[in-house]
C-alpha atoms as a PDB file:
ATOM      1  CA  MET A   1     -10.961 -24.872  26.958  1.00  0.00           C
ATOM      2  CA  GLN A   2      -9.342 -22.309  29.206  1.00  0.00           C
ATOM      3  CA  LYS A   3      -8.526 -25.036  31.745  1.00  0.00           C
ATOM      4  CA  LEU A   4      -6.833 -27.100  29.024  1.00  0.00           C
ATOM      5  CA  ILE A   5      -4.651 -24.133  28.050  1.00  0.00           C
ATOM      6  CA  TRP A   6      -3.566 -23.592  31.649  1.00  0.00           C
ATOM      7  CA  LEU A   7      -2.844 -27.322  32.045  1.00  0.00           C
ATOM      8  CA  PHE A   8      -0.666 -27.227  28.915  1.00  0.00           C
ATOM      9  CA  CYS A   9       1.267 -24.267  30.297  1.00  0.00           C
ATOM     10  CA  LEU A  10       1.772 -25.962  33.654  1.00  0.00           C
ATOM     11  CA  LEU A  11       3.072 -29.191  32.118  1.00  0.00           C
ATOM     12  CA  ILE A  12       4.962 -27.947  29.065  1.00  0.00           C
ATOM     13  CA  LEU A  13       5.898 -24.367  29.852  1.00  0.00           C
ATOM     14  CA  PRO A  14       6.579 -24.142  33.582  1.00  0.00           C
ATOM     15  CA  GLY A  15       9.251 -21.546  33.016  1.00  0.00           C
ATOM     16  CA  PHE A  16       6.766 -19.389  31.162  1.00  0.00           C
ATOM     17  CA  VAL A  17       4.194 -19.626  33.950  1.00  0.00           C
ATOM     18  CA  PHE A  18       6.576 -19.028  36.825  1.00  0.00           C
ATOM     19  CA  GLY A  19       9.006 -16.667  35.103  1.00  0.00           C
ATOM     20  CA  GLN A  20      11.879 -19.155  35.165  1.00  0.00           C
ATOM     21  CA  ASN A  21      12.455 -19.633  31.425  1.00  0.00           C
ATOM     22  CA  TYR A  22      16.007 -18.300  31.469  1.00  0.00           C
ATOM     23  CA  ASN A  23      16.728 -19.155  27.859  1.00  0.00           C
ATOM     24  CA  ASP A  24      14.031 -16.688  26.839  1.00  0.00           C
ATOM     25  CA  SER A  25      15.751 -13.982  28.857  1.00  0.00           C
ATOM     26  CA  CYS A  26      19.074 -14.485  27.086  1.00  0.00           C
ATOM     27  CA  TYR A  27      20.135 -12.174  24.290  1.00  0.00           C
ATOM     28  CA  VAL A  28      19.273 -12.791  20.655  1.00  0.00           C
ATOM     29  CA  VAL A  29      21.366 -12.109  17.565  1.00  0.00           C
ATOM     30  CA  THR A  30      19.648 -10.019  14.908  1.00  0.00           C
ATOM     31  CA  GLU A  31      22.568  -9.675  12.476  1.00  0.00           C
ATOM     32  CA  PRO A  32      24.288 -13.077  12.427  1.00  0.00           C
ATOM     33  CA  LYS A  33      26.649 -12.194   9.575  1.00  0.00           C
ATOM     34  CA  LEU A  34      29.088  -9.287   9.214  1.00  0.00           C
ATOM     35  CA  LEU A  35      30.636  -8.563   5.801  1.00  0.00           C
ATOM     36  CA  ILE A  36      33.776  -6.429   5.538  1.00  0.00           C
ATOM     37  CA  PHE A  37      36.236  -5.445   2.804  1.00  0.00           C
ATOM     38  CA  ALA A  38      39.895  -5.698   3.745  1.00  0.00           C
ATOM     39  CA  ASP A  39      40.785  -2.345   2.150  1.00  0.00           C
ATOM     40  CA  GLN A  40      37.863  -0.290   3.416  1.00  0.00           C
ATOM     41  CA  ILE A  41      38.538   3.012   5.140  1.00  0.00           C
ATOM     42  CA  GLU A  42      36.838   2.121   8.413  1.00  0.00           C
ATOM     43  CA  ARG A  43      39.244  -0.177  10.242  1.00  0.00           C
ATOM     44  CA  LYS A  44      37.131  -0.769  13.371  1.00  0.00           C
ATOM     45  CA  VAL A  45      33.849  -2.272  12.214  1.00  0.00           C
ATOM     46  CA  PRO A  46      31.093  -2.496  14.848  1.00  0.00           C
ATOM     47  CA  ILE A  47      29.210  -5.694  15.553  1.00  0.00           C
ATOM     48  CA  VAL A  48      25.771  -4.927  16.952  1.00  0.00           C
ATOM     49  CA  VAL A  49      23.504  -7.585  18.393  1.00  0.00           C
ATOM     50  CA  ASN A  50      20.189  -7.284  20.159  1.00  0.00           C
ATOM     51  CA  GLY A  51      20.977  -7.972  23.780  1.00  0.00           C
ATOM     52  CA  PHE A  52      21.178  -6.327  27.182  1.00  0.00           C
ATOM     53  CA  VAL A  53      23.456  -6.381  30.198  1.00  0.00           C
ATOM     54  CA  ARG A  54      21.612  -7.499  33.307  1.00  0.00           C
ATOM     55  CA  PRO A  55      22.924  -7.006  36.856  1.00  0.00           C
ATOM     56  CA  LYS A  56      25.512  -9.563  37.885  1.00  0.00           C
ATOM     57  CA  SER A  57      26.013 -10.800  34.336  1.00  0.00           C
ATOM     58  CA  THR A  58      29.193 -11.322  32.351  1.00  0.00           C
ATOM     59  CA  TRP A  59      29.644 -12.044  28.663  1.00  0.00           C
ATOM     60  CA  VAL A  60      32.489 -12.686  26.250  1.00  0.00           C
ATOM     61  CA  TRP A  61      33.150 -12.857  22.507  1.00  0.00           C
ATOM     62  CA  SER A  62      35.098 -15.988  21.626  1.00  0.00           C
ATOM     63  CA  SER A  63      36.244 -17.875  18.553  1.00  0.00           C
ATOM     64  CA  SER A  64      35.347 -21.084  20.362  1.00  0.00           C
ATOM     65  CA  ILE A  65      32.007 -22.623  21.228  1.00  0.00           C
ATOM     66  CA  GLY A  66      33.765 -24.465  24.049  1.00  0.00           C
ATOM     67  CA  PRO A  67      31.760 -25.312  27.168  1.00  0.00           C
ATOM     68  CA  ASP A  68      33.864 -23.548  29.803  1.00  0.00           C
ATOM     69  CA  ASN A  69      36.788 -21.178  30.249  1.00  0.00           C
ATOM     70  CA  VAL A  70      36.285 -19.515  26.863  1.00  0.00           C
ATOM     71  CA  LYS A  71      39.010 -17.128  25.813  1.00  0.00           C
ATOM     72  CA  ARG A  72      38.263 -13.686  24.482  1.00  0.00           C
ATOM     73  CA  SER A  73      38.745 -13.319  20.763  1.00  0.00           C
ATOM     74  CA  GLU A  74      41.955 -11.647  19.665  1.00  0.00           C
ATOM     75  CA  PHE A  75      40.097 -10.090  16.726  1.00  0.00           C
ATOM     76  CA  ILE A  76      37.142  -8.481  18.496  1.00  0.00           C
ATOM     77  CA  ILE A  77      37.252  -5.451  20.780  1.00  0.00           C
ATOM     78  CA  GLN A  78      34.477  -5.727  23.347  1.00  0.00           C
ATOM     79  CA  ASN A  79      32.332  -2.872  24.567  1.00  0.00           C
ATOM     80  CA  PRO A  80      32.018  -3.326  28.332  1.00  0.00           C
ATOM     81  CA  ASN A  81      28.600  -1.674  28.439  1.00  0.00           C
ATOM     82  CA  SER A  82      26.735  -3.790  25.903  1.00  0.00           C
ATOM     83  CA  PHE A  83      26.881  -6.929  23.805  1.00  0.00           C
ATOM     84  CA  ALA A  84      28.260  -4.842  20.972  1.00  0.00           C
ATOM     85  CA  GLY A  85      31.860  -5.173  19.904  1.00  0.00           C
ATOM     86  CA  SER A  86      33.996  -4.226  16.940  1.00  0.00           C
ATOM     87  CA  VAL A  87      36.188  -6.181  14.555  1.00  0.00           C
ATOM     88  CA  ASP A  88      39.704  -4.818  14.240  1.00  0.00           C
ATOM     89  CA  VAL A  89      40.377  -5.296  10.528  1.00  0.00           C
ATOM     90  CA  ASP A  90      44.076  -4.496  10.934  1.00  0.00           C
ATOM     91  CA  SER A  91      44.515  -7.166  13.609  1.00  0.00           C
ATOM     92  CA  ILE A  92      43.303  -9.749  11.108  1.00  0.00           C
ATOM     93  CA  THR A  93      44.967  -8.596   7.880  1.00  0.00           C
ATOM     94  CA  SER A  94      48.309  -7.911   9.582  1.00  0.00           C
ATOM     95  CA  ILE A  95      48.705 -11.437  10.933  1.00  0.00           C
ATOM     96  CA  SER A  96      50.832 -13.460   8.551  1.00  0.00           C
ATOM     97  CA  LYS A  97      48.668 -16.585   8.618  1.00  0.00           C
ATOM     98  CA  PHE A  98      45.801 -14.577   7.121  1.00  0.00           C
ATOM     99  CA  GLY A  99      47.592 -11.802   5.229  1.00  0.00           C
ATOM    100  CA  ASN A 100      45.241 -10.381   2.611  1.00  0.00           C
ATOM    101  CA  ALA A 101      43.485 -13.690   2.144  1.00  0.00           C
ATOM    102  CA  PHE A 102      39.787 -14.317   2.433  1.00  0.00           C
ATOM    103  CA  PHE A 103      38.803 -14.468   6.117  1.00  0.00           C
ATOM    104  CA  ASP A 104      35.724 -16.419   7.189  1.00  0.00           C
ATOM    105  CA  GLU A 105      35.198 -17.393  10.789  1.00  0.00           C
ATOM    106  CA  TYR A 106      32.402 -17.904  13.300  1.00  0.00           C
ATOM    107  CA  PHE A 107      32.510 -16.113  16.637  1.00  0.00           C
ATOM    108  CA  TYR A 108      30.380 -16.929  19.647  1.00  0.00           C
ATOM    109  CA  ILE A 109      28.818 -14.797  22.357  1.00  0.00           C
ATOM    110  CA  HIS A 110      28.768 -16.374  25.811  1.00  0.00           C
ATOM    111  CA  GLU A 111      26.687 -14.858  28.599  1.00  0.00           C
ATOM    112  CA  TYR A 112      26.582 -15.865  32.261  1.00  0.00           C
ATOM    113  CA  PHE A 113      24.291 -14.425  34.913  1.00  0.00           C
ATOM    114  CA  LYS A 114      23.154 -15.205  38.434  1.00  0.00           C
ATOM    115  CA  LYS A 115      19.632 -16.478  38.899  1.00  0.00           C
ATOM    116  CA  ASN A 116      17.385 -15.494  41.784  1.00  0.00           C
ATOM    117  CA  ASP A 117      18.591 -18.440  43.839  1.00  0.00           C
ATOM    118  CA  GLY A 118      22.207 -17.372  43.394  1.00  0.00           C
ATOM    119  CA  SER A 119      23.204 -20.131  40.993  1.00  0.00           C
ATOM    120  CA  LEU A 120      24.994 -19.337  37.758  1.00  0.00           C
ATOM    121  CA  HIS A 121      23.148 -19.693  34.481  1.00  0.00           C
ATOM    122  CA  LYS A 122      24.954 -19.917  31.164  1.00  0.00           C
ATOM    123  CA  CYS A 123      23.037 -18.850  28.073  1.00  0.00           C
ATOM    124  CA  PRO A 124      23.382 -20.991  24.950  1.00  0.00           C
ATOM    125  CA  PRO A 125      26.233 -19.503  22.875  1.00  0.00           C
ATOM    126  CA  LYS A 126      25.043 -17.582  19.833  1.00  0.00           C
ATOM    127  CA  GLU A 127      27.147 -17.333  16.688  1.00  0.00           C
ATOM    128  CA  VAL A 128      28.019 -14.414  14.450  1.00  0.00           C
ATOM    129  CA  ARG A 129      29.825 -15.077  11.188  1.00  0.00           C
ATOM    130  CA  VAL A 130      32.497 -12.559  10.183  1.00  0.00           C
ATOM    131  CA  LYS A 131      33.724 -12.494   6.580  1.00  0.00           C
ATOM    132  CA  ILE A 132      36.472 -10.168   5.376  1.00  0.00           C
ATOM    133  CA  PHE A 133      36.810  -9.984   1.601  1.00  0.00           C
ATOM    134  CA  PRO A 134      39.863  -9.009  -0.443  1.00  0.00           C
ATOM    135  CA  ARG A 135      38.565  -6.437  -2.934  1.00  0.00           C
ATOM    136  CA  VAL A 136      38.133  -7.746  -6.475  1.00  0.00           C
ATOM    137  CA  LYS A 137      39.229  -5.206  -9.112  1.00  0.00           C
ATOM    138  CA  THR A 138      39.585  -5.192 -12.872  1.00  0.00           C
ATOM    139  CA  TYR A 139      40.986  -2.871 -15.516  1.00  0.00           C
ATOM    140  CA  GLU A 140      39.055  -0.758 -18.009  1.00  0.00           C
ATOM    141  CA  ALA A 141      40.821  -1.885 -21.193  1.00  0.00           C
ATOM    142  CA  ILE A 142      43.048  -4.552 -22.723  1.00  0.00           C
ATOM    143  CA  THR A 143      45.353  -4.326 -25.741  1.00  0.00           C
ATOM    144  CA  PRO A 144      45.775  -7.889 -27.085  1.00  0.00           C
ATOM    145  CA  ASN A 145      48.733  -7.312 -29.412  1.00  0.00           C
ATOM    146  CA  ASP A 146      51.033 -10.092 -28.115  1.00  0.00           C
ATOM    147  CA  ASP A 147      53.512  -7.755 -26.434  1.00  0.00           C
ATOM    148  CA  ASP A 148      52.879  -9.342 -23.012  1.00  0.00           C
ATOM    149  CA  LEU A 149      51.548  -6.015 -21.727  1.00  0.00           C
ATOM    150  CA  ASN A 150      47.858  -5.814 -20.885  1.00  0.00           C
ATOM    151  CA  ASP A 151      47.067  -8.645 -23.311  1.00  0.00           C
ATOM    152  CA  TYR A 152      44.281 -10.100 -21.156  1.00  0.00           C
ATOM    153  CA  LEU A 153      41.751  -8.967 -18.565  1.00  0.00           C
ATOM    154  CA  GLU A 154      43.470  -9.217 -15.209  1.00  0.00           C
ATOM    155  CA  ILE A 155      41.205  -9.592 -12.179  1.00  0.00           C
ATOM    156  CA  GLU A 156      42.917  -8.582  -8.975  1.00  0.00           C
ATOM    157  CA  ASN A 157      42.449 -10.965  -6.008  1.00  0.00           C
ATOM    158  CA  LEU A 158      40.482 -13.472  -8.086  1.00  0.00           C
ATOM    159  CA  ASP A 159      42.857 -16.175  -6.857  1.00  0.00           C
ATOM    160  CA  LYS A 160      41.329 -15.766  -3.368  1.00  0.00           C
ATOM    161  CA  TYR A 161      37.962 -17.005  -4.671  1.00  0.00           C
ATOM    162  CA  LEU A 162      38.301 -20.492  -6.125  1.00  0.00           C
ATOM    163  CA  PHE A 163      34.657 -20.765  -7.106  1.00  0.00           C
ATOM    164  CA  ALA A 164      34.091 -17.256  -8.371  1.00  0.00           C
ATOM    165  CA  GLU A 165      31.939 -16.961 -11.496  1.00  0.00           C
ATOM    166  CA  VAL A 166      33.376 -14.836 -14.316  1.00  0.00           C
ATOM    167  CA  LYS A 167      31.289 -14.100 -17.407  1.00  0.00           C
ATOM    168  CA  ILE A 168      32.014 -11.919 -20.438  1.00  0.00           C
ATOM    169  CA  PHE A 169      29.302 -10.666 -22.796  1.00  0.00           C
ATOM    170  CA  ASP A 170      29.483  -9.009 -26.192  1.00  0.00           C
ATOM    171  CA  ARG A 171      27.748  -5.746 -27.119  1.00  0.00           C
ATOM    172  CA  TRP A 172      24.515  -7.615 -27.847  1.00  0.00           C
ATOM    173  CA  GLY A 173      24.468  -9.316 -24.453  1.00  0.00           C
ATOM    174  CA  GLN A 174      25.533 -12.723 -25.769  1.00  0.00           C
ATOM    175  CA  LEU A 175      27.641 -14.789 -23.364  1.00  0.00           C
ATOM    176  CA  ILE A 176      31.036 -15.378 -24.977  1.00  0.00           C
ATOM    177  CA  LEU A 177      33.125 -16.600 -22.029  1.00  0.00           C
ATOM    178  CA  SER A 178      32.362 -18.283 -18.716  1.00  0.00           C
ATOM    179  CA  ARG A 179      35.044 -19.253 -16.231  1.00  0.00           C
ATOM    180  CA  VAL A 180      35.380 -20.417 -12.629  1.00  0.00           C
ATOM    181  CA  GLY A 181      37.885 -18.638 -10.403  1.00  0.00           C
ATOM    182  CA  PHE A 182      40.334 -21.506 -10.052  1.00  0.00           C
ATOM    183  CA  ASP A 183      40.800 -21.959 -13.816  1.00  0.00           C
ATOM    184  CA  TYR A 184      40.581 -18.374 -15.079  1.00  0.00           C
ATOM    185  CA  TYR A 185      44.365 -18.095 -15.329  1.00  0.00           C
ATOM    186  CA  GLU A 186      44.911 -21.758 -16.141  1.00  0.00           C
ATOM    187  CA  LYS A 187      47.351 -22.577 -18.905  1.00  0.00           C
ATOM    188  CA  ILE A 188      45.992 -24.470 -21.870  1.00  0.00           C
ATOM    189  CA  ASP A 189      47.560 -26.708 -24.495  1.00  0.00           C
ATOM    190  CA  PRO A 190      49.788 -24.397 -26.595  1.00  0.00           C
ATOM    191  CA  SER A 191      48.639 -26.162 -29.747  1.00  0.00           C
ATOM    192  CA  LYS A 192      45.080 -25.100 -28.939  1.00  0.00           C
ATOM    193  CA  ALA A 193      45.989 -21.651 -27.704  1.00  0.00           C
ATOM    194  CA  ASN A 194      44.371 -18.569 -29.070  1.00  0.00           C
ATOM    195  CA  LYS A 195      46.572 -16.229 -31.021  1.00  0.00           C
ATOM    196  CA  GLY A 196      46.626 -13.848 -28.080  1.00  0.00           C
ATOM    197  CA  GLY A 197      47.982 -16.223 -25.452  1.00  0.00           C
ATOM    198  CA  ASN A 198      47.671 -19.613 -23.820  1.00  0.00           C
ATOM    199  CA  MET A 199      45.417 -18.854 -20.835  1.00  0.00           C
ATOM    200  CA  LYS A 200      41.698 -19.174 -20.351  1.00  0.00           C
ATOM    201  CA  ALA A 201      41.458 -15.535 -19.283  1.00  0.00           C
ATOM    202  CA  PHE A 202      39.607 -13.091 -21.545  1.00  0.00           C
ATOM    203  CA  ASN A 203      42.150 -11.941 -24.122  1.00  0.00           C
ATOM    204  CA  GLY A 204      40.139 -10.536 -27.005  1.00  0.00           C
ATOM    205  CA  TYR A 205      39.888 -13.849 -28.855  1.00  0.00           C
ATOM    206  CA  LEU A 206      37.126 -16.414 -29.103  1.00  0.00           C
ATOM    207  CA  ASN A 207      37.735 -19.935 -30.430  1.00  0.00           C
ATOM    208  CA  GLY A 208      40.977 -18.734 -31.989  1.00  0.00           C
ATOM    209  CA  LYS A 209      39.311 -15.866 -33.826  1.00  0.00           C
ATOM    210  CA  THR A 210      39.870 -12.181 -33.210  1.00  0.00           C
ATOM    211  CA  LEU A 211      37.048 -10.374 -31.478  1.00  0.00           C
ATOM    212  CA  PRO A 212      36.340  -6.872 -32.786  1.00  0.00           C
ATOM    213  CA  SER A 213      37.507  -3.814 -30.888  1.00  0.00           C
ATOM    214  CA  GLY A 214      34.853  -2.347 -28.652  1.00  0.00           C
ATOM    215  CA  VAL A 215      33.219  -2.549 -25.268  1.00  0.00           C
ATOM    216  CA  TYR A 216      32.476  -5.892 -23.589  1.00  0.00           C
ATOM    217  CA  MET A 217      30.492  -6.340 -20.393  1.00  0.00           C
ATOM    218  CA  TYR A 218      31.577  -8.570 -17.545  1.00  0.00           C
ATOM    219  CA  SER A 219      29.892 -10.075 -14.519  1.00  0.00           C
ATOM    220  CA  ILE A 220      31.950 -11.351 -11.588  1.00  0.00           C
ATOM    221  CA  LYS A 221      30.445 -13.105  -8.568  1.00  0.00           C
ATOM    222  CA  PRO A 222      33.360 -13.842  -6.203  1.00  0.00           C
ATOM    223  CA  ASP A 223      31.383 -15.370  -3.338  1.00  0.00           C
ATOM    224  CA  GLU A 224      27.779 -16.024  -2.368  1.00  0.00           C
ATOM    225  CA  ASP A 225      27.946 -13.057   0.038  1.00  0.00           C
ATOM    226  CA  TYR A 226      30.078 -10.801  -2.166  1.00  0.00           C
ATOM    227  CA  PRO A 227      27.901  -8.429  -4.235  1.00  0.00           C
ATOM    228  CA  GLU A 228      27.978  -9.137  -7.945  1.00  0.00           C
ATOM    229  CA  ILE A 229      30.424  -6.916  -9.849  1.00  0.00           C
ATOM    230  CA  ILE A 230      29.161  -5.666 -13.194  1.00  0.00           C
ATOM    231  CA  GLY A 231      31.270  -3.501 -15.461  1.00  0.00           C
ATOM    232  CA  SER A 232      32.836  -3.141 -18.878  1.00  0.00           C
ATOM    233  CA  VAL A 233      36.213  -3.631 -20.513  1.00  0.00           C
ATOM    234  CA  THR A 234      37.284  -2.111 -23.811  1.00  0.00           C
ATOM    235  CA  VAL A 235      39.269  -4.170 -26.319  1.00  0.00           C
ATOM    236  CA  ILE A 236      41.735  -1.890 -28.116  1.00  0.00           C
ATOM    237  CA  ARG A 237      43.665  -3.119 -31.143  1.00  0.00           C
END
């Protein structure tokens, strides 16, 4: 049996037997996803991966998985002493093409090192996904009295999340409204409009009938990686 094991290693795992399995000696990524809020206080957010810098090795963060001549990412500041780097939140949110919009991009780590025979070995690029979220915020109360001031529950930055899930519950926990991000503010047929307005947003009415004053719970799930937001809004008449 022992001879069969050694034969398997010699035929299938020669790098393991002779110490030449260079892919195994490349770095690994332990945190392949980094989640950031655009308005958070810390503007330089570290990216930490499980790797090491060997003698005669070079590595680079890139927004491309390209085979050769990869360019360093304009968004990531590299630490020359490790595989760690940091995302510059300001460099992303200040560029007009992104603005305060939802940012979701894959970055790749490329490592090159010299083997014992002097030839250059390139490790398979490993990816890290960086997501920067615009903060979703709501207000504590609405006053649906048709004066066009605070008549409905406004959800700041909801327009950045087309498939967000918005749910409103009454004081007994019954679901009274369920919307998707892209149609929360959608206009509806004026002839079918509630008394308090002609949008699908929560406005203190249900099926054309006035909801009682009081506290209503909401649940907002902007994105699969964005933590669920649970809170309450008070209807004041």
